[in-house]
Amino acid sequence: MTGEDARYEDGAENPLRLRALDVDDLTAISAVLQDAVLPITEMSWQPSRQRFGLLANRFRWEDRDEAANQNRSYERVQAMVVVDRVVKMASSGVDLRDKEQILSLLSVSFEAGDDVDGRVVFTLAGDGAIACHVECLDLTLTDVTRPYVAPSKSAPEHDLS
């Protein structure tokens, strides 16, 4: 023993570290971020660094089936999402002044644009959206905490009918 505490990275499951440089990559990250929740205060745009970031509590979709099979609790984990090369930000249906607001993420997509390469769009429950106008698609997702039991104790469900 070296006297050091165990690190999350030393466990059987490694934290996710994903990068999207094209639409296919972003589709995979969007699936992982579906149903993530975050306080509106956990978003930050740094215009001088051309960077937008958010810290979300994402449902661990990659562990859902195994948790169900083992009859154990579903988990969430905090993940940092960073969009680089952001030249402008926009939002719709989100009151940025309401600091008590909790946002629920439905999807992340890329839309081609005329003025710049395109927009990374975070679609939120309740018809809200946050758009990062970008020079190119460059988004990273990094899990930054250990998984924890989902407060709802259930997996998100979607009525597709």
N, C-alpha and C. Protein backbone atom coordinates (compact mmCIF):
# COMPACT_ATOMS: atom_id res chain seq x y z
N MET A 1 0.84 -1.18 0.00
CA MET A 1 0.00 0.00 0.00
C MET A 1 0.88 1.24 0.00
N THR A 2 0.49 2.18 -0.79
CA THR A 2 1.24 3.42 -0.87
C THR A 2 0.69 4.49 0.04
N GLY A 3 -0.45 4.22 0.71
CA GLY A 3 -1.04 5.22 1.58
C GLY A 3 -1.95 6.20 0.86
N GLU A 4 -2.11 6.01 -0.44
CA GLU A 4 -2.98 6.90 -1.22
C GLU A 4 -4.40 6.38 -1.21
N ASP A 5 -5.35 7.32 -1.30
CA ASP A 5 -6.75 6.94 -1.42
C ASP A 5 -6.99 6.31 -2.79
N ALA A 6 -7.98 5.44 -2.85
CA ALA A 6 -8.36 4.87 -4.14
C ALA A 6 -8.95 5.97 -5.01
N ARG A 7 -8.72 5.86 -6.29
CA ARG A 7 -9.26 6.83 -7.23
C ARG A 7 -10.35 6.15 -8.06
N TYR A 8 -11.31 6.95 -8.52
CA TYR A 8 -12.39 6.43 -9.35
C TYR A 8 -11.81 5.72 -10.58
N GLU A 9 -10.77 6.27 -11.14
CA GLU A 9 -10.15 5.69 -12.34
C GLU A 9 -9.58 4.30 -12.10
N ASP A 10 -9.32 3.95 -10.83
CA ASP A 10 -8.75 2.64 -10.51
C ASP A 10 -9.81 1.54 -10.42
N GLY A 11 -11.08 1.92 -10.44
CA GLY A 11 -12.16 0.95 -10.30
C GLY A 11 -12.35 0.13 -11.56
N ALA A 12 -13.28 -0.82 -11.47
CA ALA A 12 -13.56 -1.70 -12.60
C ALA A 12 -14.12 -0.94 -13.78
N GLU A 13 -14.88 0.11 -13.51
CA GLU A 13 -15.45 0.91 -14.59
C GLU A 13 -14.72 2.23 -14.66
N ASN A 14 -14.33 2.63 -15.84
CA ASN A 14 -13.65 3.89 -16.01
C ASN A 14 -14.66 4.98 -16.32
N PRO A 15 -14.36 6.21 -15.91
CA PRO A 15 -15.25 7.31 -16.26
C PRO A 15 -15.23 7.51 -17.78
N LEU A 16 -16.35 8.00 -18.30
CA LEU A 16 -16.41 8.26 -19.74
C LEU A 16 -15.61 9.51 -20.07
N ARG A 17 -14.90 9.43 -21.17
CA ARG A 17 -14.20 10.57 -21.77
C ARG A 17 -14.44 10.46 -23.26
N LEU A 18 -15.33 11.32 -23.76
CA LEU A 18 -15.73 11.25 -25.16
C LEU A 18 -15.50 12.59 -25.83
N ARG A 19 -15.22 12.54 -27.14
CA ARG A 19 -15.02 13.77 -27.91
C ARG A 19 -15.78 13.66 -29.21
N ALA A 20 -16.46 14.74 -29.57
CA ALA A 20 -17.20 14.80 -30.83
C ALA A 20 -16.56 15.80 -31.76
N LEU A 21 -16.10 15.29 -32.92
CA LEU A 21 -15.56 16.14 -33.96
C LEU A 21 -16.42 16.07 -35.22
N ASP A 22 -17.42 15.16 -35.21
CA ASP A 22 -18.36 15.07 -36.33
C ASP A 22 -19.73 14.69 -35.79
N VAL A 23 -20.72 14.71 -36.66
CA VAL A 23 -22.10 14.48 -36.25
C VAL A 23 -22.31 13.08 -35.67
N ASP A 24 -21.65 12.07 -36.22
CA ASP A 24 -21.78 10.72 -35.68
C ASP A 24 -21.28 10.65 -34.23
N ASP A 25 -20.15 11.30 -33.95
CA ASP A 25 -19.63 11.35 -32.58
C ASP A 25 -20.64 12.04 -31.66
N LEU A 26 -21.21 13.14 -32.14
CA LEU A 26 -22.14 13.91 -31.33
C LEU A 26 -23.42 13.11 -31.05
N THR A 27 -23.84 12.30 -31.99
CA THR A 27 -25.03 11.46 -31.79
C THR A 27 -24.81 10.51 -30.61
N ALA A 28 -23.63 9.94 -30.52
CA ALA A 28 -23.31 9.03 -29.41
C ALA A 28 -23.29 9.79 -28.08
N ILE A 29 -22.71 10.98 -28.07
CA ILE A 29 -22.66 11.77 -26.84
C ILE A 29 -24.07 12.22 -26.45
N SER A 30 -24.89 12.56 -27.42
CA SER A 30 -26.27 12.96 -27.14
C SER A 30 -27.02 11.83 -26.43
N ALA A 31 -26.81 10.61 -26.87
CA ALA A 31 -27.48 9.46 -26.24
C ALA A 31 -27.04 9.31 -24.79
N VAL A 32 -25.78 9.54 -24.51
CA VAL A 32 -25.26 9.43 -23.15
C VAL A 32 -25.79 10.56 -22.26
N LEU A 33 -26.03 11.74 -22.86
CA LEU A 33 -26.49 12.89 -22.10
C LEU A 33 -28.01 12.98 -21.97
N GLN A 34 -28.74 12.13 -22.67
CA GLN A 34 -30.20 12.20 -22.59
C GLN A 34 -30.65 12.08 -21.14
N ASP A 35 -31.53 12.97 -20.74
CA ASP A 35 -32.09 13.02 -19.38
C ASP A 35 -31.12 13.53 -18.32
N ALA A 36 -30.02 14.13 -18.74
CA ALA A 36 -29.14 14.78 -17.77
C ALA A 36 -29.86 16.01 -17.20
N VAL A 37 -29.57 16.32 -15.96
CA VAL A 37 -30.16 17.50 -15.32
C VAL A 37 -29.05 18.36 -14.74
N LEU A 38 -29.31 19.67 -14.72
CA LEU A 38 -28.33 20.59 -14.18
C LEU A 38 -28.99 21.88 -13.74
N PRO A 39 -28.47 22.47 -12.68
CA PRO A 39 -28.92 23.81 -12.32
C PRO A 39 -28.42 24.79 -13.38
N ILE A 40 -29.21 25.80 -13.66
CA ILE A 40 -28.81 26.77 -14.68
C ILE A 40 -27.50 27.45 -14.30
N THR A 41 -27.19 27.48 -13.00
CA THR A 41 -25.95 28.11 -12.53
C THR A 41 -24.71 27.30 -12.88
N GLU A 42 -24.88 26.06 -13.37
CA GLU A 42 -23.74 25.21 -13.72
C GLU A 42 -23.40 25.30 -15.21
N MET A 43 -23.74 26.44 -15.83
CA MET A 43 -23.34 26.70 -17.22
C MET A 43 -22.46 27.94 -17.24
N SER A 44 -21.50 27.95 -18.14
CA SER A 44 -20.60 29.10 -18.23
C SER A 44 -20.12 29.28 -19.66
N TRP A 45 -20.19 30.52 -20.13
CA TRP A 45 -19.61 30.86 -21.44
C TRP A 45 -18.47 31.82 -21.21
N GLN A 46 -17.32 31.48 -21.78
CA GLN A 46 -16.12 32.30 -21.67
C GLN A 46 -15.79 32.82 -23.08
N PRO A 47 -16.34 33.98 -23.44
CA PRO A 47 -16.14 34.50 -24.81
C PRO A 47 -14.67 34.66 -25.19
N SER A 48 -13.83 35.09 -24.25
CA SER A 48 -12.42 35.30 -24.57
C SER A 48 -11.70 33.99 -24.89
N ARG A 49 -12.21 32.88 -24.36
CA ARG A 49 -11.62 31.56 -24.63
C ARG A 49 -12.42 30.79 -25.68
N GLN A 50 -13.51 31.39 -26.16
CA GLN A 50 -14.40 30.75 -27.13
C GLN A 50 -14.83 29.37 -26.63
N ARG A 51 -15.32 29.36 -25.38
CA ARG A 51 -15.64 28.08 -24.74
C ARG A 51 -16.95 28.20 -23.95
N PHE A 52 -17.79 27.18 -24.10
CA PHE A 52 -19.01 27.04 -23.30
C PHE A 52 -18.91 25.73 -22.55
N GLY A 53 -19.26 25.75 -21.28
CA GLY A 53 -19.21 24.53 -20.50
C GLY A 53 -20.41 24.39 -19.60
N LEU A 54 -20.70 23.14 -19.27
CA LEU A 54 -21.77 22.88 -18.31
C LEU A 54 -21.41 21.63 -17.52
N LEU A 55 -21.91 21.59 -16.30
CA LEU A 55 -21.71 20.46 -15.41
C LEU A 55 -23.07 19.83 -15.18
N ALA A 56 -23.28 18.63 -15.70
CA ALA A 56 -24.59 17.98 -15.66
C ALA A 56 -24.53 16.69 -14.86
N ASN A 57 -25.65 16.35 -14.28
CA ASN A 57 -25.82 15.07 -13.59
C ASN A 57 -26.48 14.13 -14.59
N ARG A 58 -25.69 13.29 -15.21
CA ARG A 58 -26.22 12.44 -16.27
C ARG A 58 -26.58 11.06 -15.76
N PHE A 59 -27.65 10.51 -16.32
CA PHE A 59 -28.04 9.14 -16.02
C PHE A 59 -27.02 8.21 -16.69
N ARG A 60 -26.62 7.16 -16.01
CA ARG A 60 -25.63 6.23 -16.57
C ARG A 60 -26.34 5.18 -17.43
N TRP A 61 -26.69 5.59 -18.66
CA TRP A 61 -27.37 4.69 -19.59
C TRP A 61 -26.54 3.44 -19.84
N GLU A 62 -25.23 3.57 -19.84
CA GLU A 62 -24.35 2.44 -20.14
C GLU A 62 -24.40 1.37 -19.05
N ASP A 63 -24.98 1.71 -17.89
CA ASP A 63 -25.07 0.77 -16.77
C ASP A 63 -26.51 0.34 -16.48
N ARG A 64 -27.48 0.88 -17.20
CA ARG A 64 -28.89 0.62 -16.90
C ARG A 64 -29.24 -0.86 -16.91
N ASP A 65 -28.91 -1.58 -17.97
CA ASP A 65 -29.28 -2.99 -18.06
C ASP A 65 -28.61 -3.83 -16.98
N GLU A 66 -27.34 -3.56 -16.73
CA GLU A 66 -26.63 -4.33 -15.70
C GLU A 66 -27.21 -4.06 -14.31
N ALA A 67 -27.55 -2.81 -14.04
CA ALA A 67 -28.17 -2.48 -12.74
C ALA A 67 -29.49 -3.21 -12.60
N ALA A 68 -30.29 -3.24 -13.66
CA ALA A 68 -31.59 -3.93 -13.61
C ALA A 68 -31.38 -5.43 -13.42
N ASN A 69 -30.43 -6.02 -14.13
CA ASN A 69 -30.16 -7.46 -14.02
C ASN A 69 -29.65 -7.84 -12.63
N GLN A 70 -28.91 -6.94 -12.00
CA GLN A 70 -28.37 -7.21 -10.65
C GLN A 70 -29.30 -6.72 -9.54
N ASN A 71 -30.45 -6.17 -9.95
CA ASN A 71 -31.44 -5.65 -9.01
C ASN A 71 -30.81 -4.65 -8.04
N ARG A 72 -30.00 -3.76 -8.59
CA ARG A 72 -29.39 -2.71 -7.77
C ARG A 72 -29.83 -1.35 -8.28
N SER A 73 -29.51 -0.34 -7.55
CA SER A 73 -29.96 1.02 -7.86
C SER A 73 -29.36 1.52 -9.17
N TYR A 74 -30.14 2.33 -9.88
CA TYR A 74 -29.63 3.03 -11.05
C TYR A 74 -28.72 4.15 -10.57
N GLU A 75 -27.83 4.58 -11.47
CA GLU A 75 -26.84 5.57 -11.06
C GLU A 75 -26.82 6.79 -11.98
N ARG A 76 -26.33 7.86 -11.41
CA ARG A 76 -26.00 9.08 -12.15
C ARG A 76 -24.54 9.41 -11.85
N VAL A 77 -23.99 10.30 -12.65
CA VAL A 77 -22.62 10.75 -12.46
C VAL A 77 -22.54 12.19 -12.97
N GLN A 78 -21.70 12.99 -12.34
CA GLN A 78 -21.53 14.35 -12.85
C GLN A 78 -20.56 14.31 -14.02
N ALA A 79 -20.94 15.02 -15.08
CA ALA A 79 -20.12 15.06 -16.28
C ALA A 79 -19.93 16.51 -16.72
N MET A 80 -18.71 16.82 -17.09
CA MET A 80 -18.38 18.14 -17.63
C MET A 80 -18.49 18.06 -19.15
N VAL A 81 -19.26 18.97 -19.74
CA VAL A 81 -19.40 19.05 -21.19
C VAL A 81 -18.82 20.39 -21.61
N VAL A 82 -17.88 20.36 -22.55
CA VAL A 82 -17.22 21.57 -23.01
C VAL A 82 -17.33 21.66 -24.53
N VAL A 83 -17.80 22.81 -24.99
CA VAL A 83 -17.85 23.09 -26.43
C VAL A 83 -16.80 24.16 -26.70
N ASP A 84 -15.86 23.86 -27.58
CA ASP A 84 -14.82 24.82 -27.95
C ASP A 84 -15.13 25.47 -29.29
N ARG A 85 -14.43 26.56 -29.57
CA ARG A 85 -14.55 27.33 -30.83
C ARG A 85 -15.93 28.00 -30.94
N VAL A 86 -16.49 28.41 -29.81
CA VAL A 86 -17.79 29.07 -29.76
C VAL A 86 -17.61 30.57 -30.02
N VAL A 87 -18.30 31.08 -31.03
CA VAL A 87 -18.19 32.50 -31.36
C VAL A 87 -19.38 33.32 -30.89
N LYS A 88 -20.50 32.65 -30.60
CA LYS A 88 -21.70 33.36 -30.16
C LYS A 88 -22.62 32.36 -29.47
N MET A 89 -23.40 32.86 -28.51
CA MET A 89 -24.36 32.02 -27.79
C MET A 89 -25.76 32.57 -28.00
N ALA A 90 -26.75 31.68 -27.96
CA ALA A 90 -28.15 32.08 -28.02
C ALA A 90 -28.96 31.10 -27.20
N SER A 91 -30.12 31.57 -26.72
CA SER A 91 -31.02 30.67 -26.00
C SER A 91 -32.45 31.01 -26.35
N SER A 92 -33.32 30.04 -26.17
CA SER A 92 -34.74 30.21 -26.44
C SER A 92 -35.51 29.42 -25.39
N GLY A 93 -36.55 30.03 -24.83
CA GLY A 93 -37.38 29.33 -23.87
C GLY A 93 -36.71 29.05 -22.55
N VAL A 94 -35.63 29.78 -22.24
CA VAL A 94 -34.90 29.61 -20.99
C VAL A 94 -34.75 30.99 -20.36
N ASP A 95 -35.19 31.13 -19.12
CA ASP A 95 -35.04 32.38 -18.41
C ASP A 95 -33.69 32.37 -17.70
N LEU A 96 -32.70 32.98 -18.32
CA LEU A 96 -31.33 32.96 -17.79
C LEU A 96 -31.21 33.72 -16.47
N ARG A 97 -32.21 34.53 -16.12
CA ARG A 97 -32.19 35.28 -14.85
C ARG A 97 -32.67 34.43 -13.68
N ASP A 98 -33.39 33.35 -13.95
CA ASP A 98 -33.93 32.48 -12.90
C ASP A 98 -32.85 31.51 -12.43
N LYS A 99 -32.12 31.91 -11.40
CA LYS A 99 -30.97 31.13 -10.92
C LYS A 99 -31.38 29.88 -10.15
N GLU A 100 -32.67 29.70 -9.89
CA GLU A 100 -33.17 28.50 -9.20
C GLU A 100 -33.58 27.41 -10.19
N GLN A 101 -33.54 27.71 -11.46
CA GLN A 101 -34.04 26.82 -12.50
C GLN A 101 -33.18 25.56 -12.67
N ILE A 102 -33.85 24.43 -12.80
CA ILE A 102 -33.17 23.17 -13.09
C ILE A 102 -33.51 22.81 -14.54
N LEU A 103 -32.49 22.54 -15.33
CA LEU A 103 -32.68 22.21 -16.75
C LEU A 103 -32.58 20.70 -16.94
N SER A 104 -33.39 20.19 -17.84
CA SER A 104 -33.36 18.77 -18.18
C SER A 104 -33.03 18.65 -19.67
N LEU A 105 -31.94 17.97 -19.96
CA LEU A 105 -31.44 17.87 -21.32
C LEU A 105 -32.08 16.71 -22.07
N LEU A 106 -32.65 16.99 -23.22
CA LEU A 106 -33.25 15.95 -24.06
C LEU A 106 -32.27 15.44 -25.11
N SER A 107 -31.52 16.36 -25.75
CA SER A 107 -30.60 15.94 -26.80
C SER A 107 -29.57 17.03 -27.08
N VAL A 108 -28.53 16.64 -27.79
CA VAL A 108 -27.51 17.56 -28.29
C VAL A 108 -27.38 17.27 -29.77
N SER A 109 -27.46 18.31 -30.59
CA SER A 109 -27.38 18.12 -32.04
C SER A 109 -26.52 19.20 -32.68
N PHE A 110 -26.22 18.98 -33.95
CA PHE A 110 -25.44 19.95 -34.72
C PHE A 110 -26.26 20.38 -35.92
N GLU A 111 -26.35 21.68 -36.13
CA GLU A 111 -27.06 22.22 -37.28
C GLU A 111 -26.09 23.07 -38.09
N ALA A 112 -26.00 22.80 -39.39
CA ALA A 112 -25.13 23.60 -40.26
C ALA A 112 -25.64 25.03 -40.30
N GLY A 113 -24.73 25.97 -40.42
CA GLY A 113 -25.12 27.38 -40.44
C GLY A 113 -24.53 28.12 -41.61
N ASP A 114 -25.03 29.33 -41.81
CA ASP A 114 -24.54 30.18 -42.90
C ASP A 114 -23.42 31.10 -42.43
N ASP A 115 -23.58 31.68 -41.22
CA ASP A 115 -22.61 32.67 -40.74
C ASP A 115 -21.33 32.03 -40.22
N VAL A 116 -21.45 30.89 -39.58
CA VAL A 116 -20.29 30.13 -39.11
C VAL A 116 -20.51 28.69 -39.53
N ASP A 117 -19.64 27.79 -39.11
CA ASP A 117 -19.77 26.40 -39.51
C ASP A 117 -21.12 25.82 -39.11
N GLY A 118 -21.60 26.20 -37.92
CA GLY A 118 -22.88 25.67 -37.48
C GLY A 118 -23.16 25.97 -36.03
N ARG A 119 -24.13 25.24 -35.48
CA ARG A 119 -24.56 25.42 -34.10
C ARG A 119 -24.64 24.08 -33.40
N VAL A 120 -24.11 24.03 -32.20
CA VAL A 120 -24.35 22.91 -31.30
C VAL A 120 -25.55 23.31 -30.48
N VAL A 121 -26.63 22.52 -30.58
CA VAL A 121 -27.89 22.87 -29.92
C VAL A 121 -28.20 21.87 -28.80
N PHE A 122 -28.35 22.40 -27.60
CA PHE A 122 -28.77 21.62 -26.44
C PHE A 122 -30.28 21.81 -26.33
N THR A 123 -31.06 20.78 -26.64
CA THR A 123 -32.51 20.86 -26.56
C THR A 123 -32.93 20.43 -25.16
N LEU A 124 -33.77 21.26 -24.54
CA LEU A 124 -34.17 21.07 -23.16
C LEU A 124 -35.65 20.72 -23.07
N ALA A 125 -36.01 20.04 -21.99
CA ALA A 125 -37.43 19.77 -21.73
C ALA A 125 -38.14 21.11 -21.56
N GLY A 126 -39.40 21.17 -21.97
CA GLY A 126 -40.16 22.40 -21.84
C GLY A 126 -39.93 23.36 -22.99
N ASP A 127 -39.50 22.85 -24.12
CA ASP A 127 -39.29 23.66 -25.33
C ASP A 127 -38.17 24.68 -25.23
N GLY A 128 -37.21 24.47 -24.38
CA GLY A 128 -36.07 25.37 -24.29
C GLY A 128 -34.91 24.85 -25.12
N ALA A 129 -34.00 25.76 -25.46
CA ALA A 129 -32.80 25.38 -26.21
C ALA A 129 -31.68 26.38 -25.94
N ILE A 130 -30.48 25.87 -25.96
CA ILE A 130 -29.27 26.69 -25.87
C ILE A 130 -28.42 26.35 -27.08
N ALA A 131 -28.02 27.38 -27.82
CA ALA A 131 -27.25 27.16 -29.04
C ALA A 131 -25.88 27.81 -28.94
N CYS A 132 -24.86 27.03 -29.29
CA CYS A 132 -23.49 27.52 -29.37
C CYS A 132 -23.16 27.65 -30.85
N HIS A 133 -22.98 28.87 -31.33
CA HIS A 133 -22.56 29.08 -32.72
C HIS A 133 -21.06 28.83 -32.76
N VAL A 134 -20.63 27.87 -33.57
CA VAL A 134 -19.24 27.42 -33.53
C VAL A 134 -18.56 27.52 -34.90
N GLU A 135 -17.24 27.66 -34.84
CA GLU A 135 -16.42 27.63 -36.06
C GLU A 135 -16.31 26.21 -36.60
N CYS A 136 -16.33 25.25 -35.70
CA CYS A 136 -16.30 23.83 -36.06
C CYS A 136 -16.80 23.03 -34.87
N LEU A 137 -17.18 21.80 -35.11
CA LEU A 137 -17.68 20.94 -34.04
C LEU A 137 -16.51 20.40 -33.23
N ASP A 138 -16.48 20.76 -31.94
CA ASP A 138 -15.44 20.29 -31.03
C ASP A 138 -16.04 20.28 -29.62
N LEU A 139 -16.57 19.12 -29.21
CA LEU A 139 -17.25 18.98 -27.93
C LEU A 139 -16.64 17.81 -27.19
N THR A 140 -16.44 17.98 -25.89
CA THR A 140 -15.94 16.88 -25.07
C THR A 140 -16.87 16.66 -23.88
N LEU A 141 -16.96 15.41 -23.45
CA LEU A 141 -17.71 15.01 -22.26
C LEU A 141 -16.74 14.23 -21.40
N THR A 142 -16.65 14.60 -20.12
CA THR A 142 -15.77 13.91 -19.18
C THR A 142 -16.51 13.71 -17.87
N ASP A 143 -16.65 12.47 -17.44
CA ASP A 143 -17.21 12.20 -16.12
C ASP A 143 -16.20 12.69 -15.09
N VAL A 144 -16.70 13.42 -14.08
CA VAL A 144 -15.78 14.03 -13.11
C VAL A 144 -16.03 13.61 -11.67
N THR A 145 -17.04 12.76 -11.43
CA THR A 145 -17.28 12.25 -10.08
C THR A 145 -17.50 10.74 -10.15
N ARG A 146 -17.53 10.13 -8.99
CA ARG A 146 -17.92 8.73 -8.91
C ARG A 146 -19.41 8.64 -9.17
N PRO A 147 -19.88 7.53 -9.71
CA PRO A 147 -21.32 7.34 -9.85
C PRO A 147 -21.98 7.35 -8.47
N TYR A 148 -23.21 7.83 -8.43
CA TYR A 148 -23.98 7.84 -7.20
C TYR A 148 -25.39 7.36 -7.49
N VAL A 149 -26.09 6.89 -6.48
CA VAL A 149 -27.44 6.37 -6.66
C VAL A 149 -28.34 7.49 -7.17
N ALA A 150 -29.06 7.21 -8.24
CA ALA A 150 -29.99 8.18 -8.80
C ALA A 150 -31.04 8.53 -7.75
N PRO A 151 -31.23 9.82 -7.44
CA PRO A 151 -32.20 10.20 -6.40
C PRO A 151 -33.60 9.64 -6.64
N SER A 152 -34.01 9.51 -7.90
CA SER A 152 -35.34 8.99 -8.20
C SER A 152 -35.42 7.48 -8.01
N LYS A 153 -34.26 6.83 -7.94
CA LYS A 153 -34.16 5.37 -7.82
C LYS A 153 -34.74 4.63 -9.02
N SER A 154 -35.00 5.37 -10.12
CA SER A 154 -35.58 4.73 -11.30
C SER A 154 -34.87 5.25 -12.55
N ALA A 155 -35.03 4.50 -13.63
CA ALA A 155 -34.50 4.92 -14.93
C ALA A 155 -35.50 5.84 -15.58
N PRO A 156 -35.02 6.87 -16.29
CA PRO A 156 -35.95 7.73 -17.02
C PRO A 156 -36.76 6.92 -18.03
N GLU A 157 -38.01 7.28 -18.20
CA GLU A 157 -38.87 6.61 -19.15
C GLU A 157 -39.42 7.63 -20.13
N HIS A 158 -39.62 7.19 -21.36
CA HIS A 158 -40.15 8.06 -22.41
C HIS A 158 -41.33 7.38 -23.08
N ASP A 159 -42.46 8.07 -23.09
CA ASP A 159 -43.64 7.56 -23.77
C ASP A 159 -43.50 7.92 -25.24
N LEU A 160 -43.24 6.95 -26.08
CA LEU A 160 -43.01 7.19 -27.50
C LEU A 160 -44.27 6.99 -28.35
N SER A 161 -45.42 6.82 -27.70
CA SER A 161 -46.65 6.61 -28.46
C SER A 161 -47.26 7.92 -28.92
